[in-house]
Amino acid sequence: MKTYPRPLSLLVLFGTLLVTGCVTHIRLDQTQNPPPAEAFSNFTHVEIKPIVLPSPYAGQAANEKARRKIQDNVDADTRAFLGLWKKAPPATDTARTLVIEPRITEIKFINATSRVWAGAIAGSSAVVLSVTISEKETGTVVARPVFYARAQAMGGAFSFGATDNLMLTRVAKRFTDYLSANYSRAVGGPTGAEPAK
């Protein structure tokens, strides 16, 4: 039986940990969200609910921090255009309320502390944000868009977690861009997932 010198064995072990640590099973095949059933400007009021983080992700410190950062970004991005929506003349005399309910359905977030100590071995970060958009008065679902973002393990290691945090900004921006893009016309929008190679 062939034996390897100790330094080579450690190098092989480190390489194996690095490769397996980089794997995340959170993926999204859908690259495009279809258009909503109608333009959002058809509604006289809009309510955006806080982002929900369900179990098993709720209660985990890194994931709770990620949810708060996504929420902060959504709040900042929507503040300006929601003000314009409220000032716009109503499209109808009938009161209609658009309810927007975002929910994190999958998440793996590597925070800066984990990046500093474990680097790429901590793995990639990824998040899926699913949104139900419905009419409050009737319960009719207008759209169910989904948004995705990922941060590579090596990028996170080299940036000491900066790319992991940028992932949270990207998923929030994809969500708010979709809301803004579908105000005047129902056009859909990208999910953030890349086409399969």
Foldseek 3Di string as FASTA:
>chain_A
DDDDPPVVVVVVVVVVLLVVLADDPDADQDWWFAFWQWFQLQAQAEAEDQEAEDPPQPPDVQSVVLSVLLRVLLCVLVVVVNVVSNVDDHPDPDHKYKYKYKYWPDWDFDALVNLAVPQLSNHKTKTKIWMFIAIPVPRHTGGIAMAMFIGGRNNCNVVSNPSSSVRSNVRSVQVSVQNVVRNVHGGTGTRHHDHDD
